[in-house]
N, C-alpha and C. Protein backbone atom coordinates (compact mmCIF):
# COMPACT_ATOMS: atom_id res chain seq x y z
N MET A 1 8.95 21.35 41.18
CA MET A 1 8.55 20.47 40.45
C MET A 1 7.43 20.05 39.58
N ARG A 2 6.13 21.08 39.94
CA ARG A 2 4.77 21.11 39.07
C ARG A 2 5.11 22.08 38.19
N ARG A 3 5.92 23.05 38.04
CA ARG A 3 6.58 23.78 36.75
C ARG A 3 7.20 22.98 35.97
N ILE A 4 8.17 22.02 36.14
CA ILE A 4 8.90 21.10 35.33
C ILE A 4 7.58 20.22 34.56
N LEU A 5 6.87 19.43 35.47
CA LEU A 5 5.84 18.80 34.71
C LEU A 5 4.83 19.60 33.84
N LEU A 6 4.57 20.60 34.36
CA LEU A 6 3.54 21.51 33.42
C LEU A 6 4.13 21.65 32.17
N SER A 7 5.64 21.99 32.19
CA SER A 7 6.37 22.56 30.92
C SER A 7 6.89 21.33 30.03
N CYS A 8 6.78 20.15 30.71
CA CYS A 8 6.96 19.07 29.57
C CYS A 8 5.62 18.51 29.16
N ALA A 9 4.67 18.66 29.84
CA ALA A 9 3.39 18.75 29.20
C ALA A 9 2.98 19.57 28.19
N LEU A 10 3.26 20.92 28.12
CA LEU A 10 3.14 21.67 27.22
C LEU A 10 3.89 21.41 26.21
N LEU A 11 5.23 21.04 26.30
CA LEU A 11 5.89 20.81 25.26
C LEU A 11 5.43 19.44 24.16
N ALA A 12 5.00 18.59 24.96
CA ALA A 12 4.57 17.30 24.11
C ALA A 12 3.26 17.62 23.55
N VAL A 13 2.59 18.66 24.11
CA VAL A 13 1.35 18.84 23.04
C VAL A 13 1.56 19.58 22.13
N LEU A 14 2.43 20.49 22.22
CA LEU A 14 2.75 21.63 21.00
C LEU A 14 3.48 20.44 19.80
N ALA A 15 4.23 19.60 20.29
CA ALA A 15 5.36 18.60 19.48
C ALA A 15 4.43 17.59 18.65
N LEU A 16 3.12 17.30 19.16
CA LEU A 16 2.23 16.24 18.63
C LEU A 16 1.96 16.91 16.93
N PRO A 17 1.23 17.76 16.92
CA PRO A 17 0.99 18.35 15.58
C PRO A 17 2.20 18.48 14.71
N ALA A 18 3.33 18.73 15.15
CA ALA A 18 4.34 18.95 14.29
C ALA A 18 4.92 17.33 13.84
N ALA A 19 4.89 16.49 14.82
CA ALA A 19 5.21 15.28 14.78
C ALA A 19 4.28 14.42 13.42
N ALA A 20 2.61 14.76 13.37
CA ALA A 20 1.93 14.44 12.70
C ALA A 20 1.92 15.10 11.09
N ALA A 21 2.44 16.37 11.35
CA ALA A 21 2.85 17.05 9.91
C ALA A 21 3.77 16.27 9.10
N ALA A 22 4.94 16.14 10.05
CA ALA A 22 6.25 15.22 9.60
C ALA A 22 5.84 13.97 8.67
N ARG A 23 5.05 13.24 9.80
CA ARG A 23 4.59 12.11 9.13
C ARG A 23 3.98 11.81 8.21
N ALA A 24 3.06 13.15 7.86
CA ALA A 24 2.12 13.03 6.79
C ALA A 24 2.95 13.42 5.44
N SER A 25 3.76 14.42 5.52
CA SER A 25 5.00 14.64 4.46
C SER A 25 5.77 13.62 4.11
N ALA A 26 5.94 12.96 4.95
CA ALA A 26 7.06 11.41 4.51
C ALA A 26 6.09 10.88 3.69
N ALA A 27 5.08 10.24 4.00
CA ALA A 27 3.84 9.37 3.34
C ALA A 27 3.73 9.98 1.97
N GLY A 28 3.97 11.38 1.92
CA GLY A 28 3.34 11.84 0.71
C GLY A 28 1.96 12.53 0.96
N LYS A 29 1.81 13.42 -0.37
CA LYS A 29 0.84 14.60 -0.37
C LYS A 29 -0.64 13.72 -0.83
N PRO A 30 -1.58 13.73 -0.04
CA PRO A 30 -2.65 12.99 -0.92
C PRO A 30 -3.46 13.83 -2.03
N GLY A 31 -4.05 13.30 -2.76
CA GLY A 31 -4.69 13.82 -4.00
C GLY A 31 -6.06 13.57 -4.26
N PHE A 32 -6.57 13.88 -5.29
CA PHE A 32 -8.12 13.86 -5.45
C PHE A 32 -8.28 13.19 -7.08
N LEU A 33 -9.48 12.59 -6.96
CA LEU A 33 -9.79 12.15 -8.49
C LEU A 33 -11.38 12.49 -8.53
N VAL A 34 -11.96 13.33 -9.76
CA VAL A 34 -12.98 13.50 -9.77
C VAL A 34 -13.26 12.84 -11.36
N VAL A 35 -14.46 12.40 -11.13
CA VAL A 35 -15.20 12.00 -12.90
C VAL A 35 -16.71 11.99 -12.71
N ARG A 36 -16.95 12.76 -13.80
CA ARG A 36 -18.24 13.17 -14.05
C ARG A 36 -19.11 12.67 -15.42
N ARG A 37 -19.91 12.12 -15.20
CA ARG A 37 -21.00 11.62 -15.98
C ARG A 37 -20.33 10.53 -16.97
N ALA A 38 -19.78 9.51 -16.18
CA ALA A 38 -18.85 8.86 -16.93
C ALA A 38 -19.64 7.58 -17.63
N ALA A 39 -19.23 7.14 -18.52
CA ALA A 39 -20.00 6.08 -19.58
C ALA A 39 -18.77 5.22 -20.17
N GLY A 40 -18.92 4.00 -20.34
CA GLY A 40 -18.26 3.00 -21.00
C GLY A 40 -18.85 2.23 -22.12
N ASP A 41 -18.09 1.19 -22.82
CA ASP A 41 -18.95 0.47 -23.85
C ASP A 41 -19.20 -0.73 -23.04
N GLY A 42 -20.29 -1.35 -23.82
CA GLY A 42 -20.64 -2.37 -23.05
C GLY A 42 -22.02 -2.60 -21.79
N GLY A 43 -22.04 -1.33 -21.20
CA GLY A 43 -23.10 -1.32 -19.89
C GLY A 43 -22.46 -2.00 -18.91
N VAL A 44 -22.96 -2.59 -18.15
CA VAL A 44 -22.84 -3.25 -16.91
C VAL A 44 -21.85 -4.48 -17.03
N ASN A 45 -22.03 -5.04 -18.01
CA ASN A 45 -21.15 -6.46 -18.37
C ASN A 45 -19.94 -5.90 -19.36
N GLY A 46 -19.84 -4.76 -19.63
CA GLY A 46 -18.69 -4.29 -20.37
C GLY A 46 -17.25 -3.97 -19.44
N ARG A 47 -16.62 -3.23 -20.06
CA ARG A 47 -15.10 -3.31 -19.47
C ARG A 47 -15.07 -1.72 -18.49
N PRO A 48 -14.37 -1.79 -17.52
CA PRO A 48 -14.79 -0.98 -16.47
C PRO A 48 -14.48 0.55 -17.00
N VAL A 49 -14.78 1.28 -16.26
CA VAL A 49 -15.01 3.03 -16.72
C VAL A 49 -13.95 3.35 -15.49
N ALA A 50 -13.77 2.98 -14.52
CA ALA A 50 -12.99 3.30 -13.66
C ALA A 50 -12.86 2.05 -12.58
N ILE A 51 -11.11 1.93 -12.23
CA ILE A 51 -10.47 1.15 -11.22
C ILE A 51 -9.86 1.87 -10.30
N VAL A 52 -10.47 2.11 -9.12
CA VAL A 52 -9.88 3.10 -8.21
C VAL A 52 -9.29 2.22 -7.02
N VAL A 53 -7.79 2.33 -6.76
CA VAL A 53 -7.22 1.76 -5.85
C VAL A 53 -6.64 2.96 -4.76
N VAL A 54 -7.26 3.08 -3.60
CA VAL A 54 -7.29 4.08 -2.83
C VAL A 54 -7.12 3.98 -1.19
N GLN A 55 -5.81 4.63 -0.63
CA GLN A 55 -5.97 4.68 0.73
C GLN A 55 -6.62 5.93 1.12
N GLY A 56 -7.87 5.79 1.67
CA GLY A 56 -8.62 7.25 1.87
C GLY A 56 -10.08 7.18 1.56
N PHE A 57 -10.63 7.58 0.56
CA PHE A 57 -12.10 7.35 0.69
C PHE A 57 -12.69 7.50 -1.00
N VAL A 58 -13.65 6.89 -1.28
CA VAL A 58 -14.48 7.14 -2.61
C VAL A 58 -15.82 7.37 -2.31
N LEU A 59 -16.07 8.26 -3.28
CA LEU A 59 -17.88 8.57 -2.77
C LEU A 59 -18.27 8.61 -4.11
N GLY A 60 -19.70 8.00 -4.57
CA GLY A 60 -20.03 8.01 -5.88
C GLY A 60 -21.45 7.81 -5.77
N ARG A 61 -21.79 8.13 -7.25
CA ARG A 61 -23.71 8.31 -7.51
C ARG A 61 -23.26 7.72 -8.75
N VAL A 62 -24.57 6.92 -8.96
CA VAL A 62 -25.17 6.36 -10.34
C VAL A 62 -26.23 6.76 -10.48
N SER A 63 -26.51 7.44 -11.76
CA SER A 63 -27.80 7.95 -12.35
C SER A 63 -28.10 6.91 -13.35
N ARG A 64 -27.28 6.60 -13.79
CA ARG A 64 -28.37 5.42 -14.91
C ARG A 64 -27.88 4.07 -14.23
N GLU A 65 -27.66 3.10 -15.42
CA GLU A 65 -27.50 1.79 -15.02
C GLU A 65 -25.91 1.42 -14.81
N ALA A 66 -25.48 0.63 -13.65
CA ALA A 66 -24.00 0.50 -13.30
C ALA A 66 -23.96 -0.34 -12.74
N GLN A 67 -22.55 -0.74 -12.34
CA GLN A 67 -22.30 -2.10 -11.54
C GLN A 67 -21.18 -1.42 -10.60
N VAL A 68 -21.16 -1.70 -9.31
CA VAL A 68 -19.90 -1.04 -8.56
C VAL A 68 -19.66 -2.43 -7.76
N ASP A 69 -18.03 -2.79 -7.79
CA ASP A 69 -17.62 -3.66 -6.81
C ASP A 69 -16.62 -2.82 -6.07
N ILE A 70 -17.11 -3.07 -4.71
CA ILE A 70 -16.23 -2.54 -3.58
C ILE A 70 -15.37 -3.36 -2.71
N TYR A 71 -14.16 -3.70 -2.73
CA TYR A 71 -13.23 -4.51 -1.93
C TYR A 71 -12.64 -3.70 -0.88
N GLN A 72 -12.81 -3.89 0.42
CA GLN A 72 -11.87 -3.18 1.29
C GLN A 72 -10.72 -4.29 1.76
N LEU A 73 -9.60 -3.60 1.12
CA LEU A 73 -8.44 -4.08 1.42
C LEU A 73 -7.50 -3.83 2.92
N PRO A 74 -6.80 -4.86 2.94
CA PRO A 74 -6.06 -4.69 4.68
C PRO A 74 -5.26 -3.74 4.36
N SER A 75 -5.15 -2.88 5.72
CA SER A 75 -4.52 -1.85 6.24
C SER A 75 -4.62 -1.66 7.45
N ALA A 76 -3.32 -0.78 8.04
CA ALA A 76 -3.39 -0.76 9.30
C ALA A 76 -4.03 0.34 9.99
N ALA A 77 -4.31 1.32 9.04
CA ALA A 77 -5.59 2.11 9.73
C ALA A 77 -6.68 2.01 9.18
N GLY A 78 -7.34 0.94 8.36
CA GLY A 78 -8.46 0.92 7.52
C GLY A 78 -9.55 0.39 8.63
N GLN A 79 -10.59 0.95 8.91
CA GLN A 79 -11.82 0.74 9.73
C GLN A 79 -12.85 0.69 9.40
N GLY A 80 -13.03 1.69 8.23
CA GLY A 80 -14.21 1.91 7.71
C GLY A 80 -14.73 0.75 6.90
N ALA A 81 -16.30 0.99 6.23
CA ALA A 81 -17.24 0.31 5.86
C ALA A 81 -17.48 0.63 4.60
N PRO A 82 -18.01 -0.01 3.22
CA PRO A 82 -18.68 0.49 2.54
C PRO A 82 -20.19 0.78 2.99
N ASP A 83 -20.74 1.86 2.26
CA ASP A 83 -22.15 1.93 2.25
C ASP A 83 -22.92 2.32 1.27
N VAL A 84 -23.91 1.91 0.74
CA VAL A 84 -24.67 2.02 -0.29
C VAL A 84 -26.22 2.51 -0.08
N LYS A 85 -26.77 3.23 -0.79
CA LYS A 85 -28.04 3.65 -0.30
C LYS A 85 -28.86 3.90 -1.82
N GLY A 86 -29.99 3.22 -1.86
CA GLY A 86 -31.10 3.48 -3.07
C GLY A 86 -31.82 2.47 -3.12
N ALA A 87 -33.06 3.02 -3.77
CA ALA A 87 -34.40 2.35 -3.53
C ALA A 87 -34.16 0.99 -4.93
N ASP A 88 -33.11 0.92 -6.06
CA ASP A 88 -33.22 0.34 -6.87
C ASP A 88 -31.72 -0.31 -7.08
N VAL A 89 -31.34 -0.95 -6.23
CA VAL A 89 -29.91 -1.18 -6.02
C VAL A 89 -29.87 -2.79 -5.39
N SER A 90 -29.29 -3.69 -5.77
CA SER A 90 -29.26 -5.27 -5.33
C SER A 90 -27.69 -5.42 -5.23
N HIS A 91 -27.25 -6.32 -4.24
CA HIS A 91 -26.06 -6.83 -4.10
C HIS A 91 -25.56 -8.05 -3.69
N ARG A 92 -24.44 -8.52 -4.11
CA ARG A 92 -24.02 -9.79 -3.80
C ARG A 92 -22.79 -10.14 -3.44
N ARG A 93 -22.11 -10.66 -2.87
CA ARG A 93 -20.80 -11.24 -2.38
C ARG A 93 -19.99 -11.72 -3.88
N ILE A 94 -18.71 -10.89 -3.77
CA ILE A 94 -18.09 -11.63 -4.97
C ILE A 94 -16.62 -11.57 -4.31
N ARG A 95 -15.64 -12.17 -5.22
CA ARG A 95 -14.28 -12.78 -4.81
C ARG A 95 -13.27 -11.83 -5.96
N TRP A 96 -12.13 -11.60 -5.78
CA TRP A 96 -10.93 -10.83 -6.39
C TRP A 96 -9.81 -11.39 -6.28
N HIS A 97 -9.28 -12.21 -7.14
CA HIS A 97 -8.14 -12.77 -7.07
C HIS A 97 -6.60 -12.10 -7.21
N GLY A 98 -6.73 -10.61 -7.64
CA GLY A 98 -5.83 -10.10 -7.71
C GLY A 98 -5.01 -10.49 -9.17
N ARG A 99 -4.08 -9.71 -9.45
CA ARG A 99 -3.41 -9.94 -10.86
C ARG A 99 -2.68 -11.13 -10.53
N HIS A 100 -2.18 -11.36 -9.70
CA HIS A 100 -1.11 -12.71 -10.04
C HIS A 100 -1.50 -13.81 -9.04
N GLN A 101 -1.20 -15.32 -9.63
CA GLN A 101 -2.15 -16.25 -8.85
C GLN A 101 -1.59 -16.38 -7.12
N HIS A 102 -0.15 -15.93 -6.80
CA HIS A 102 0.26 -16.10 -5.60
C HIS A 102 -0.34 -15.32 -4.44
N GLN A 103 -1.30 -14.07 -4.92
CA GLN A 103 -1.84 -13.13 -4.37
C GLN A 103 -3.01 -13.44 -3.53
N HIS A 104 -3.33 -12.90 -2.44
CA HIS A 104 -4.55 -13.45 -1.59
C HIS A 104 -5.71 -12.98 -2.33
N VAL A 105 -6.81 -13.85 -1.91
CA VAL A 105 -8.26 -14.00 -2.37
C VAL A 105 -8.97 -12.69 -1.64
N PHE A 106 -9.58 -11.64 -2.06
CA PHE A 106 -10.23 -10.77 -1.37
C PHE A 106 -11.56 -10.87 -1.44
N THR A 107 -12.57 -10.73 -0.60
CA THR A 107 -13.87 -10.68 -1.01
C THR A 107 -14.61 -9.30 -0.67
N GLY A 108 -15.43 -9.08 -1.30
CA GLY A 108 -16.01 -7.84 -1.56
C GLY A 108 -17.89 -7.85 -1.93
N THR A 109 -18.48 -6.55 -2.24
CA THR A 109 -19.47 -6.74 -2.59
C THR A 109 -19.83 -5.89 -4.21
N ARG A 110 -20.84 -6.51 -5.07
CA ARG A 110 -21.07 -6.17 -6.19
C ARG A 110 -22.50 -5.58 -5.67
N TYR A 111 -22.69 -4.32 -6.18
CA TYR A 111 -23.90 -3.43 -6.08
C TYR A 111 -24.23 -3.35 -7.48
N SER A 112 -25.51 -3.50 -8.03
CA SER A 112 -25.94 -3.32 -9.22
C SER A 112 -27.14 -2.76 -9.19
N GLY A 113 -27.38 -1.76 -10.36
CA GLY A 113 -29.03 -1.13 -10.12
C GLY A 113 -28.74 0.34 -10.75
N SER A 114 -29.84 1.20 -10.34
CA SER A 114 -29.44 2.44 -11.23
C SER A 114 -30.05 3.64 -9.98
N ASN A 115 -29.65 4.73 -10.02
CA ASN A 115 -30.23 6.00 -8.90
C ASN A 115 -29.51 5.20 -7.82
N PHE A 116 -28.08 5.16 -7.44
CA PHE A 116 -27.95 4.85 -6.03
C PHE A 116 -26.75 5.48 -5.72
N ARG A 117 -26.40 5.73 -4.54
CA ARG A 117 -25.04 6.30 -4.10
C ARG A 117 -24.20 5.48 -3.26
N PHE A 118 -23.06 5.58 -3.08
CA PHE A 118 -22.25 4.71 -2.40
C PHE A 118 -20.76 5.37 -1.59
N ARG A 119 -20.35 4.72 -0.80
CA ARG A 119 -19.27 5.42 0.12
C ARG A 119 -18.47 4.45 0.45
N ALA A 120 -17.17 4.69 0.38
CA ALA A 120 -16.27 3.78 1.11
C ALA A 120 -15.35 4.65 1.73
N ILE A 121 -15.36 4.80 3.03
CA ILE A 121 -14.45 5.83 3.85
C ILE A 121 -13.29 5.35 5.05
N GLY A 122 -12.41 5.64 5.15
CA GLY A 122 -11.57 5.65 6.20
C GLY A 122 -10.89 4.02 6.02
N GLY A 123 -10.23 3.79 4.92
CA GLY A 123 -9.56 2.52 4.66
C GLY A 123 -8.98 2.54 3.36
N TYR A 124 -8.58 1.39 2.95
CA TYR A 124 -7.85 0.93 2.08
C TYR A 124 -8.89 0.12 1.10
N TYR A 125 -9.28 0.76 -0.22
CA TYR A 125 -10.38 0.17 -0.82
C TYR A 125 -9.98 0.15 -2.67
N ARG A 126 -10.52 -1.00 -2.97
CA ARG A 126 -10.40 -1.10 -4.64
C ARG A 126 -11.91 -0.97 -5.16
N VAL A 127 -12.41 -0.01 -6.11
CA VAL A 127 -13.81 0.06 -6.48
C VAL A 127 -13.52 -0.14 -8.06
N VAL A 128 -14.32 -0.85 -8.48
CA VAL A 128 -14.59 -1.14 -9.68
C VAL A 128 -15.71 -0.78 -10.39
N VAL A 129 -15.86 0.09 -11.20
CA VAL A 129 -17.30 0.91 -11.64
C VAL A 129 -17.30 0.45 -13.29
N ARG A 130 -18.58 -0.03 -13.53
CA ARG A 130 -19.03 -0.30 -15.21
C ARG A 130 -20.27 0.30 -15.26
N GLY A 131 -20.52 0.58 -16.35
CA GLY A 131 -21.96 1.14 -16.76
C GLY A 131 -21.94 2.56 -17.10
N SER A 132 -22.84 3.25 -17.19
CA SER A 132 -23.17 4.68 -17.68
C SER A 132 -23.77 5.43 -16.33
N GLY A 133 -23.51 6.87 -16.48
CA GLY A 133 -24.24 7.66 -15.50
C GLY A 133 -23.60 7.96 -14.34
N VAL A 134 -22.40 7.65 -14.39
CA VAL A 134 -21.34 7.73 -13.10
C VAL A 134 -20.82 9.03 -12.71
N TYR A 135 -20.61 9.35 -11.51
CA TYR A 135 -19.93 10.28 -10.77
C TYR A 135 -19.32 9.86 -9.63
N LEU A 136 -17.65 9.80 -9.86
CA LEU A 136 -17.02 9.72 -8.78
C LEU A 136 -16.09 10.78 -8.02
N PHE A 137 -15.86 10.53 -6.76
CA PHE A 137 -15.09 11.57 -5.90
C PHE A 137 -14.20 10.79 -5.15
N ALA A 138 -12.79 10.98 -5.38
CA ALA A 138 -12.06 10.09 -4.18
C ALA A 138 -10.61 10.88 -3.95
N GLY A 139 -10.39 10.62 -2.57
CA GLY A 139 -9.23 11.27 -2.21
C GLY A 139 -8.38 10.57 -1.26
N GLY A 140 -7.03 10.82 -1.33
CA GLY A 140 -5.99 9.95 -0.50
C GLY A 140 -4.87 9.93 -1.51
N ARG A 141 -4.68 8.43 -1.15
CA ARG A 141 -3.10 8.19 -2.04
C ARG A 141 -3.21 6.91 -2.71
N GLY A 142 -2.90 6.90 -4.04
CA GLY A 142 -3.36 5.39 -4.61
C GLY A 142 -3.34 5.62 -6.03
N HIS A 143 -4.30 5.23 -6.78
CA HIS A 143 -4.23 4.83 -8.27
C HIS A 143 -5.65 4.84 -9.11
N VAL A 144 -5.63 5.16 -10.27
CA VAL A 144 -7.04 4.79 -10.56
C VAL A 144 -6.49 4.54 -12.17
N THR A 145 -7.49 3.60 -12.87
CA THR A 145 -7.02 3.35 -14.32
C THR A 145 -8.70 3.86 -14.89
N LEU A 146 -8.52 4.56 -15.85
CA LEU A 146 -9.74 5.01 -16.64
C LEU A 146 -10.19 4.81 -17.86
N ARG A 147 -11.30 4.40 -18.27
CA ARG A 147 -11.43 3.94 -19.59
C ARG A 147 -12.99 4.36 -20.22
N GLY A 148 -13.20 5.33 -21.21
CA GLY A 148 -14.31 5.68 -21.35
C GLY A 148 -14.91 4.83 -22.65
N SER A 149 -15.73 5.39 -23.42
CA SER A 149 -16.17 5.10 -24.63
C SER A 149 -15.70 4.95 -26.01
N SER A 150 -15.40 4.06 -26.83
CA SER A 150 -14.77 3.89 -27.80
C SER A 150 -15.77 4.46 -29.16
N VAL A 151 -16.93 4.38 -28.87
CA VAL A 151 -17.95 4.66 -29.78
C VAL A 151 -18.59 6.27 -29.60
N TYR A 152 -18.77 6.47 -28.69
CA TYR A 152 -18.94 7.91 -27.95
C TYR A 152 -18.07 8.64 -27.44
N ARG A 153 -16.69 9.08 -28.24
CA ARG A 153 -15.71 9.47 -27.67
C ARG A 153 -15.77 10.72 -26.76
N HIS A 154 -16.37 11.67 -27.13
CA HIS A 154 -16.27 13.04 -26.45
C HIS A 154 -17.72 13.28 -25.70
N LYS A 155 -18.74 12.29 -25.61
CA LYS A 155 -19.63 12.50 -25.02
C LYS A 155 -19.69 11.17 -23.79
N ASP A 156 -18.52 10.64 -23.06
CA ASP A 156 -18.74 9.76 -22.46
C ASP A 156 -18.00 10.44 -20.74
N GLY A 157 -18.03 11.54 -20.87
CA GLY A 157 -17.56 11.94 -19.25
C GLY A 157 -16.13 12.54 -19.44
N THR A 158 -16.04 13.06 -18.04
CA THR A 158 -14.68 14.01 -17.95
C THR A 158 -14.09 13.26 -16.66
N TYR A 159 -12.73 13.72 -16.53
CA TYR A 159 -12.16 13.18 -15.33
C TYR A 159 -11.10 14.13 -15.04
N SER A 160 -10.62 14.54 -13.52
CA SER A 160 -9.60 15.34 -13.37
C SER A 160 -8.78 14.51 -12.17
N VAL A 161 -7.52 14.68 -12.22
CA VAL A 161 -6.91 14.23 -11.12
C VAL A 161 -5.76 15.20 -10.29
N ASN A 162 -5.48 15.02 -9.20
CA ASN A 162 -4.96 16.07 -8.55
C ASN A 162 -5.08 17.27 -9.02
N ALA A 163 -6.42 17.82 -9.02
CA ALA A 163 -6.70 19.15 -9.39
C ALA A 163 -6.08 19.65 -10.70
N GLY A 164 -6.08 18.73 -11.47
CA GLY A 164 -5.55 19.23 -13.06
C GLY A 164 -6.88 19.50 -13.81
N ALA A 165 -6.73 20.08 -15.05
CA ALA A 165 -8.11 20.60 -15.95
C ALA A 165 -8.67 19.17 -16.08
N PRO A 166 -10.01 19.06 -16.28
CA PRO A 166 -10.85 18.13 -16.62
C PRO A 166 -10.75 17.88 -18.17
N ARG A 167 -10.68 16.62 -18.48
CA ARG A 167 -10.29 16.18 -19.58
C ARG A 167 -11.44 14.84 -20.09
N SER A 168 -11.55 14.73 -21.62
CA SER A 168 -12.52 13.59 -21.49
C SER A 168 -11.77 11.95 -21.24
N LEU A 169 -12.57 11.20 -20.93
CA LEU A 169 -12.38 9.94 -20.47
C LEU A 169 -11.22 9.35 -21.52
N PRO A 170 -10.60 8.66 -21.52
CA PRO A 170 -9.74 8.10 -22.63
C PRO A 170 -10.27 6.88 -23.10
N GLU A 171 -10.05 6.76 -24.55
CA GLU A 171 -10.62 5.48 -25.22
C GLU A 171 -9.90 4.24 -24.90
N ARG A 172 -8.65 4.37 -24.65
CA ARG A 172 -7.91 3.10 -24.36
C ARG A 172 -7.44 3.36 -22.67
N PRO A 173 -7.44 2.35 -22.01
CA PRO A 173 -7.00 2.56 -20.54
C PRO A 173 -5.76 3.11 -20.28
N VAL A 174 -6.22 4.29 -19.08
CA VAL A 174 -5.05 5.22 -18.77
C VAL A 174 -5.14 5.17 -17.32
N LYS A 175 -3.78 5.00 -16.93
CA LYS A 175 -3.39 4.76 -15.19
C LYS A 175 -3.13 6.28 -14.63
N ARG A 176 -3.73 6.56 -13.76
CA ARG A 176 -2.93 7.56 -13.42
C ARG A 176 -2.58 7.59 -11.78
N LYS A 177 -1.77 8.38 -11.17
CA LYS A 177 -1.51 8.13 -9.72
C LYS A 177 -2.27 9.44 -9.25
N ILE A 178 -3.15 8.87 -7.96
CA ILE A 178 -3.69 10.04 -7.01
C ILE A 178 -2.74 10.30 -5.79
N GLY A 179 -2.50 11.77 -5.80
CA GLY A 179 -1.83 11.91 -4.63
C GLY A 179 -0.12 12.19 -5.45
N ARG A 180 0.64 12.52 -4.35
CA ARG A 180 2.16 12.53 -4.82
C ARG A 180 2.77 12.14 -3.63
N GLY A 181 4.19 11.64 -3.84
CA GLY A 181 5.45 11.13 -2.83
C GLY A 181 5.22 9.75 -2.72
């Protein structure tokens, strides 16, 4: 009887990683986004340089003046909370209504300043970044909308999605999928 129970327990332990791998492949492969030295037109009051919506994580650093809006969206697995560190950063609560009137209203936090770092890990996030001197690294599944400067077209930073070759930020908004599946 002990051998049967031990055998069943061993099979269950061996089956767990296989089940987790099958679940991950069914949900699609996670991807990555890298943005370096991003700058947009209009500074912190201009159009967003990046709008990242991802189930996973977003890490960022601001070396110049920027504004970062972080919304933690509802998800079954999302338990993380955004974290921001820097000497010259202020914050205030904000609201986002989504694209359509019938969608829910989400609350978030707007961080403004220069020379600060931020992270949102372990959940489903919408991160909107305006300004210049922006570095982003995101991973998981979702999408990003990118837009660089129309004035300084090849000096507005670079981006790479899903291990692609680095490219200059686009003059007009471009939407890219993060991850596959």
